[in-house]
Amino acid sequence: MQPILDSLQNNAGVVALIGLILAVVAVLVAWRALARAGRAARPSPHAANLVDDPALDQILAAQMQRLDAMGKDVQAIGSRARAVEAQGHHAVQNIGLVRFNPFEDTGSNQSFALALLDADANGVILSSLHSRQQTRVYLKAITGGRCDSPLSAEETEALNQARAASPAG
């Protein structure tokens, strides 16, 4: 789950960076067009006929429209990136898993405690106790890294693993 979230966050940053680069390029192109227009407006024996050049006006107007459109695109990308970040905050980001054998009559570590937490250490602990006769599954809510009901040693270890995986620690 973590690699998918990282990929989404990385892609949003890349798209925003590309938009920013395109905006900077558009500003440089517009600036150069304005500089040329300013030089063309100065009286010069060779450029006297460029002062009222409609083609230059059209090029400048088209560049300004493109710059405006890119600015709007960058704002839209920024808004989408903020929305993705807000959604990602509540997604499963930290996982702790402990496999164990609670009963002597089973052959291997088929029981487990799985802690799934978001960025605020909210989530669940899913526990499965497997024996030869049956498998029982338990779910406990976690709020702020704490559980209202008692945790087994394995559940505590899974919760500690998940909290240790958190960037906040």
C-alpha atoms as a PDB file:
ATOM      1  CA  MET A   1       0.000   0.000   0.000  1.00  0.00           C
ATOM      2  CA  GLN A   2       2.869   2.393   0.865  1.00  0.00           C
ATOM      3  CA  PRO A   3       4.506   2.203  -2.605  1.00  0.00           C
ATOM      4  CA  ILE A   4       1.165   3.126  -4.211  1.00  0.00           C
ATOM      5  CA  LEU A   5       0.788   6.170  -1.956  1.00  0.00           C
ATOM      6  CA  ASP A   6       4.373   7.191  -2.605  1.00  0.00           C
ATOM      7  CA  SER A   7       3.767   6.850  -6.337  1.00  0.00           C
ATOM      8  CA  LEU A   8       0.658   9.046  -6.180  1.00  0.00           C
ATOM      9  CA  GLN A   9       2.438  11.690  -4.139  1.00  0.00           C
ATOM     10  CA  ASN A  10       5.522  11.556  -6.354  1.00  0.00           C
ATOM     11  CA  ASN A  11       3.429  11.843  -9.528  1.00  0.00           C
ATOM     12  CA  ALA A  12       1.535  14.851  -8.186  1.00  0.00           C
ATOM     13  CA  GLY A  13       4.857  16.562  -7.459  1.00  0.00           C
ATOM     14  CA  VAL A  14       6.237  15.701 -10.886  1.00  0.00           C
ATOM     15  CA  VAL A  15       3.118  17.040 -12.618  1.00  0.00           C
ATOM     16  CA  ALA A  16       3.277  20.234 -10.567  1.00  0.00           C
ATOM     17  CA  LEU A  17       6.999  20.585 -11.350  1.00  0.00           C
ATOM     18  CA  ILE A  18       6.376  20.127 -15.072  1.00  0.00           C
ATOM     19  CA  GLY A  19       3.626  22.735 -14.926  1.00  0.00           C
ATOM     20  CA  LEU A  20       5.956  25.124 -13.125  1.00  0.00           C
ATOM     21  CA  ILE A  21       8.713  24.585 -15.706  1.00  0.00           C
ATOM     22  CA  LEU A  22       6.264  25.197 -18.554  1.00  0.00           C
ATOM     23  CA  ALA A  23       5.067  28.376 -16.868  1.00  0.00           C
ATOM     24  CA  VAL A  24       8.650  29.633 -16.478  1.00  0.00           C
ATOM     25  CA  VAL A  25       9.376  28.868 -20.134  1.00  0.00           C
ATOM     26  CA  ALA A  26       6.219  30.713 -21.154  1.00  0.00           C
ATOM     27  CA  VAL A  27       7.229  33.717 -19.060  1.00  0.00           C
ATOM     28  CA  LEU A  28      10.665  33.750 -20.698  1.00  0.00           C
ATOM     29  CA  VAL A  29       9.109  33.554 -24.173  1.00  0.00           C
ATOM     30  CA  ALA A  30       6.682  36.357 -23.342  1.00  0.00           C
ATOM     31  CA  TRP A  31       9.475  38.442 -21.852  1.00  0.00           C
ATOM     32  CA  ARG A  32      11.557  37.979 -24.985  1.00  0.00           C
ATOM     33  CA  ALA A  33       8.596  38.920 -27.171  1.00  0.00           C
ATOM     34  CA  LEU A  34       8.030  42.041 -25.069  1.00  0.00           C
ATOM     35  CA  ALA A  35      11.718  42.941 -25.334  1.00  0.00           C
ATOM     36  CA  ARG A  36      11.537  42.583 -29.099  1.00  0.00           C
ATOM     37  CA  ALA A  37       8.386  44.659 -29.195  1.00  0.00           C
ATOM     38  CA  GLY A  38      10.115  47.325 -27.096  1.00  0.00           C
ATOM     39  CA  ARG A  39      13.099  47.381 -29.482  1.00  0.00           C
ATOM     40  CA  ALA A  40      10.769  47.516 -32.445  1.00  0.00           C
ATOM     41  CA  ALA A  41       8.964  50.520 -30.962  1.00  0.00           C
ATOM     42  CA  ARG A  42      12.179  52.552 -30.851  1.00  0.00           C
ATOM     43  CA  PRO A  43      12.762  54.655 -33.926  1.00  0.00           C
ATOM     44  CA  SER A  44      15.409  53.050 -36.073  1.00  0.00           C
ATOM     45  CA  PRO A  45      16.120  53.377 -39.766  1.00  0.00           C
ATOM     46  CA  HIS A  46      16.007  49.601 -40.214  1.00  0.00           C
ATOM     47  CA  ALA A  47      13.073  48.827 -37.908  1.00  0.00           C
ATOM     48  CA  ALA A  48      10.779  51.713 -38.686  1.00  0.00           C
ATOM     49  CA  ASN A  49       8.327  49.429 -40.445  1.00  0.00           C
ATOM     50  CA  LEU A  50       8.101  46.975 -37.455  1.00  0.00           C
ATOM     51  CA  VAL A  51       6.411  49.424 -35.070  1.00  0.00           C
ATOM     52  CA  ASP A  52       2.952  48.715 -36.430  1.00  0.00           C
ATOM     53  CA  ASP A  53       3.545  45.101 -37.424  1.00  0.00           C
ATOM     54  CA  PRO A  54       0.237  43.242 -36.912  1.00  0.00           C
ATOM     55  CA  ALA A  55       2.002  39.858 -37.059  1.00  0.00           C
ATOM     56  CA  LEU A  56       4.104  40.763 -34.016  1.00  0.00           C
ATOM     57  CA  ASP A  57       0.994  41.878 -32.159  1.00  0.00           C
ATOM     58  CA  GLN A  58      -0.663  38.556 -32.970  1.00  0.00           C
ATOM     59  CA  ILE A  59       2.354  36.574 -31.786  1.00  0.00           C
ATOM     60  CA  LEU A  60       2.496  38.548 -28.544  1.00  0.00           C
ATOM     61  CA  ALA A  61      -1.249  38.158 -27.937  1.00  0.00           C
ATOM     62  CA  ALA A  62      -1.031  34.402 -28.591  1.00  0.00           C
ATOM     63  CA  GLN A  63       1.901  34.050 -26.169  1.00  0.00           C
ATOM     64  CA  MET A  64       0.038  35.979 -23.490  1.00  0.00           C
ATOM     65  CA  GLN A  65      -3.004  33.706 -23.925  1.00  0.00           C
ATOM     66  CA  ARG A  66      -0.787  30.635 -23.635  1.00  0.00           C
ATOM     67  CA  LEU A  67       0.838  32.080 -20.505  1.00  0.00           C
ATOM     68  CA  ASP A  68      -2.569  32.732 -18.936  1.00  0.00           C
ATOM     69  CA  ALA A  69      -3.716  29.201 -19.786  1.00  0.00           C
ATOM     70  CA  MET A  70      -0.544  27.706 -18.275  1.00  0.00           C
ATOM     71  CA  GLY A  71      -1.020  29.762 -15.125  1.00  0.00           C
ATOM     72  CA  LYS A  72      -4.552  28.381 -14.751  1.00  0.00           C
ATOM     73  CA  ASP A  73      -3.264  24.861 -15.378  1.00  0.00           C
ATOM     74  CA  VAL A  74      -0.605  25.252 -12.681  1.00  0.00           C
ATOM     75  CA  GLN A  75      -3.263  26.457 -10.217  1.00  0.00           C
ATOM     76  CA  ALA A  76      -5.495  23.486 -11.072  1.00  0.00           C
ATOM     77  CA  ILE A  77      -2.582  21.058 -10.623  1.00  0.00           C
ATOM     78  CA  GLY A  78      -1.768  22.653  -7.274  1.00  0.00           C
ATOM     79  CA  SER A  79      -5.385  22.249  -6.142  1.00  0.00           C
ATOM     80  CA  ARG A  80      -5.435  18.618  -7.205  1.00  0.00           C
ATOM     81  CA  ALA A  81      -2.108  17.965  -5.456  1.00  0.00           C
ATOM     82  CA  ARG A  82      -3.475  19.432  -2.204  1.00  0.00           C
ATOM     83  CA  ALA A  83      -6.599  17.249  -2.492  1.00  0.00           C
ATOM     84  CA  VAL A  84      -4.485  14.120  -3.050  1.00  0.00           C
ATOM     85  CA  GLU A  85      -2.309  14.999  -0.061  1.00  0.00           C
ATOM     86  CA  ALA A  86      -5.406  15.458   2.133  1.00  0.00           C
ATOM     87  CA  GLN A  87      -6.830  12.117   1.035  1.00  0.00           C
ATOM     88  CA  GLY A  88      -3.482  10.384   1.470  1.00  0.00           C
ATOM     89  CA  HIS A  89      -3.296  11.627   5.052  1.00  0.00           C
ATOM     90  CA  HIS A  90      -6.214   9.324   5.936  1.00  0.00           C
ATOM     91  CA  ALA A  91      -4.987   6.342   3.917  1.00  0.00           C
ATOM     92  CA  VAL A  92      -3.156   3.371   5.430  1.00  0.00           C
ATOM     93  CA  GLN A  93       0.451   4.469   5.682  1.00  0.00           C
ATOM     94  CA  ASN A  94       1.946   2.416   8.479  1.00  0.00           C
ATOM     95  CA  ILE A  95       1.750  -1.346   8.824  1.00  0.00           C
ATOM     96  CA  GLY A  96       2.906  -3.732  11.527  1.00  0.00           C
ATOM     97  CA  LEU A  97       2.649  -7.518  11.207  1.00  0.00           C
ATOM     98  CA  VAL A  98       3.456 -10.211  13.751  1.00  0.00           C
ATOM     99  CA  ARG A  99       2.992 -13.912  12.975  1.00  0.00           C
ATOM    100  CA  PHE A 100       2.883 -16.338  15.886  1.00  0.00           C
ATOM    101  CA  ASN A 101       1.798 -19.771  17.100  1.00  0.00           C
ATOM    102  CA  PRO A 102      -0.577 -19.424  20.091  1.00  0.00           C
ATOM    103  CA  PHE A 103      -1.362 -23.134  20.434  1.00  0.00           C
ATOM    104  CA  GLU A 104       1.019 -26.080  20.756  1.00  0.00           C
ATOM    105  CA  ASP A 105      -1.157 -28.379  18.622  1.00  0.00           C
ATOM    106  CA  THR A 106      -0.655 -26.349  15.411  1.00  0.00           C
ATOM    107  CA  GLY A 107       2.351 -26.734  13.206  1.00  0.00           C
ATOM    108  CA  SER A 108       3.461 -23.203  12.330  1.00  0.00           C
ATOM    109  CA  ASN A 109       2.947 -19.466  12.755  1.00  0.00           C
ATOM    110  CA  GLN A 110      -0.445 -19.285  11.058  1.00  0.00           C
ATOM    111  CA  SER A 111      -1.902 -16.803  13.550  1.00  0.00           C
ATOM    112  CA  PHE A 112      -1.172 -13.121  13.140  1.00  0.00           C
ATOM    113  CA  ALA A 113      -1.713  -9.585  14.422  1.00  0.00           C
ATOM    114  CA  LEU A 114      -1.867  -6.896  11.727  1.00  0.00           C
ATOM    115  CA  ALA A 115      -1.862  -3.174  12.591  1.00  0.00           C
ATOM    116  CA  LEU A 116      -2.990  -0.718   9.862  1.00  0.00           C
ATOM    117  CA  LEU A 117      -2.592   2.984  10.721  1.00  0.00           C
ATOM    118  CA  ASP A 118      -3.006   6.310   8.914  1.00  0.00           C
ATOM    119  CA  ALA A 119      -0.803   9.396   9.358  1.00  0.00           C
ATOM    120  CA  ASP A 120      -2.566  10.278  12.647  1.00  0.00           C
ATOM    121  CA  ALA A 121      -2.051   6.743  14.066  1.00  0.00           C
ATOM    122  CA  ASN A 122      -5.752   5.956  13.616  1.00  0.00           C
ATOM    123  CA  GLY A 123      -6.757   2.585  12.250  1.00  0.00           C
ATOM    124  CA  VAL A 124      -7.294  -1.020  13.277  1.00  0.00           C
ATOM    125  CA  ILE A 125      -5.573  -4.109  14.556  1.00  0.00           C
ATOM    126  CA  LEU A 126      -6.778  -7.313  12.929  1.00  0.00           C
ATOM    127  CA  SER A 127      -5.905 -10.501  14.802  1.00  0.00           C
ATOM    128  CA  SER A 128      -6.378 -14.093  13.736  1.00  0.00           C
ATOM    129  CA  LEU A 129      -5.976 -17.051  16.088  1.00  0.00           C
ATOM    130  CA  HIS A 130      -5.663 -20.305  14.178  1.00  0.00           C
ATOM    131  CA  SER A 131      -6.026 -23.743  15.740  1.00  0.00           C
ATOM    132  CA  ARG A 132      -6.721 -27.206  14.320  1.00  0.00           C
ATOM    133  CA  GLN A 133     -10.449 -26.883  15.043  1.00  0.00           C
ATOM    134  CA  GLN A 134     -11.148 -23.252  14.141  1.00  0.00           C
ATOM    135  CA  THR A 135      -9.856 -19.832  13.263  1.00  0.00           C
ATOM    136  CA  ARG A 136     -11.054 -16.768  15.127  1.00  0.00           C
ATOM    137  CA  VAL A 137     -10.681 -13.224  13.865  1.00  0.00           C
ATOM    138  CA  TYR A 138     -10.712 -10.120  16.075  1.00  0.00           C
ATOM    139  CA  LEU A 139     -10.730  -6.432  15.148  1.00  0.00           C
ATOM    140  CA  LYS A 140      -9.804  -3.589  17.501  1.00  0.00           C
ATOM    141  CA  ALA A 141     -10.033   0.123  16.727  1.00  0.00           C
ATOM    142  CA  ILE A 142      -6.965   2.312  17.208  1.00  0.00           C
ATOM    143  CA  THR A 143      -7.321   6.056  17.802  1.00  0.00           C
ATOM    144  CA  GLY A 144      -4.250   8.229  18.126  1.00  0.00           C
ATOM    145  CA  GLY A 145      -2.055   5.149  18.501  1.00  0.00           C
ATOM    146  CA  ARG A 146      -4.068   3.802  21.449  1.00  0.00           C
ATOM    147  CA  CYS A 147      -6.682   1.085  21.863  1.00  0.00           C
ATOM    148  CA  ASP A 148      -9.579   1.202  24.364  1.00  0.00           C
ATOM    149  CA  SER A 149      -9.499  -2.563  24.919  1.00  0.00           C
ATOM    150  CA  PRO A 150      -6.529  -4.572  26.146  1.00  0.00           C
ATOM    151  CA  LEU A 151      -4.027  -5.754  23.535  1.00  0.00           C
ATOM    152  CA  SER A 152      -2.194  -9.066  23.479  1.00  0.00           C
ATOM    153  CA  ALA A 153       1.595  -9.042  23.382  1.00  0.00           C
ATOM    154  CA  GLU A 154       1.521  -9.781  19.628  1.00  0.00           C
ATOM    155  CA  GLU A 155      -1.019  -7.004  18.979  1.00  0.00           C
ATOM    156  CA  THR A 156       1.105  -4.576  20.989  1.00  0.00           C
ATOM    157  CA  GLU A 157       4.178  -5.584  18.988  1.00  0.00           C
ATOM    158  CA  ALA A 158       2.303  -5.079  15.667  1.00  0.00           C
ATOM    159  CA  LEU A 159       1.089  -1.662  16.847  1.00  0.00           C
ATOM    160  CA  ASN A 160       4.620  -0.686  17.889  1.00  0.00           C
ATOM    161  CA  GLN A 161       5.945  -1.782  14.468  1.00  0.00           C
ATOM    162  CA  ALA A 162       3.334   0.363  12.715  1.00  0.00           C
ATOM    163  CA  ARG A 163       4.078   3.398  14.878  1.00  0.00           C
ATOM    164  CA  ALA A 164       7.815   2.932  14.304  1.00  0.00           C
ATOM    165  CA  ALA A 165       7.186   2.948  10.532  1.00  0.00           C
ATOM    166  CA  SER A 166       5.534   6.359  10.833  1.00  0.00           C
ATOM    167  CA  PRO A 167       7.607   9.374   9.697  1.00  0.00           C
ATOM    168  CA  ALA A 168       6.556  11.088  12.942  1.00  0.00           C
ATOM    169  CA  GLY A 169       7.855   8.072  14.913  1.00  0.00           C
END
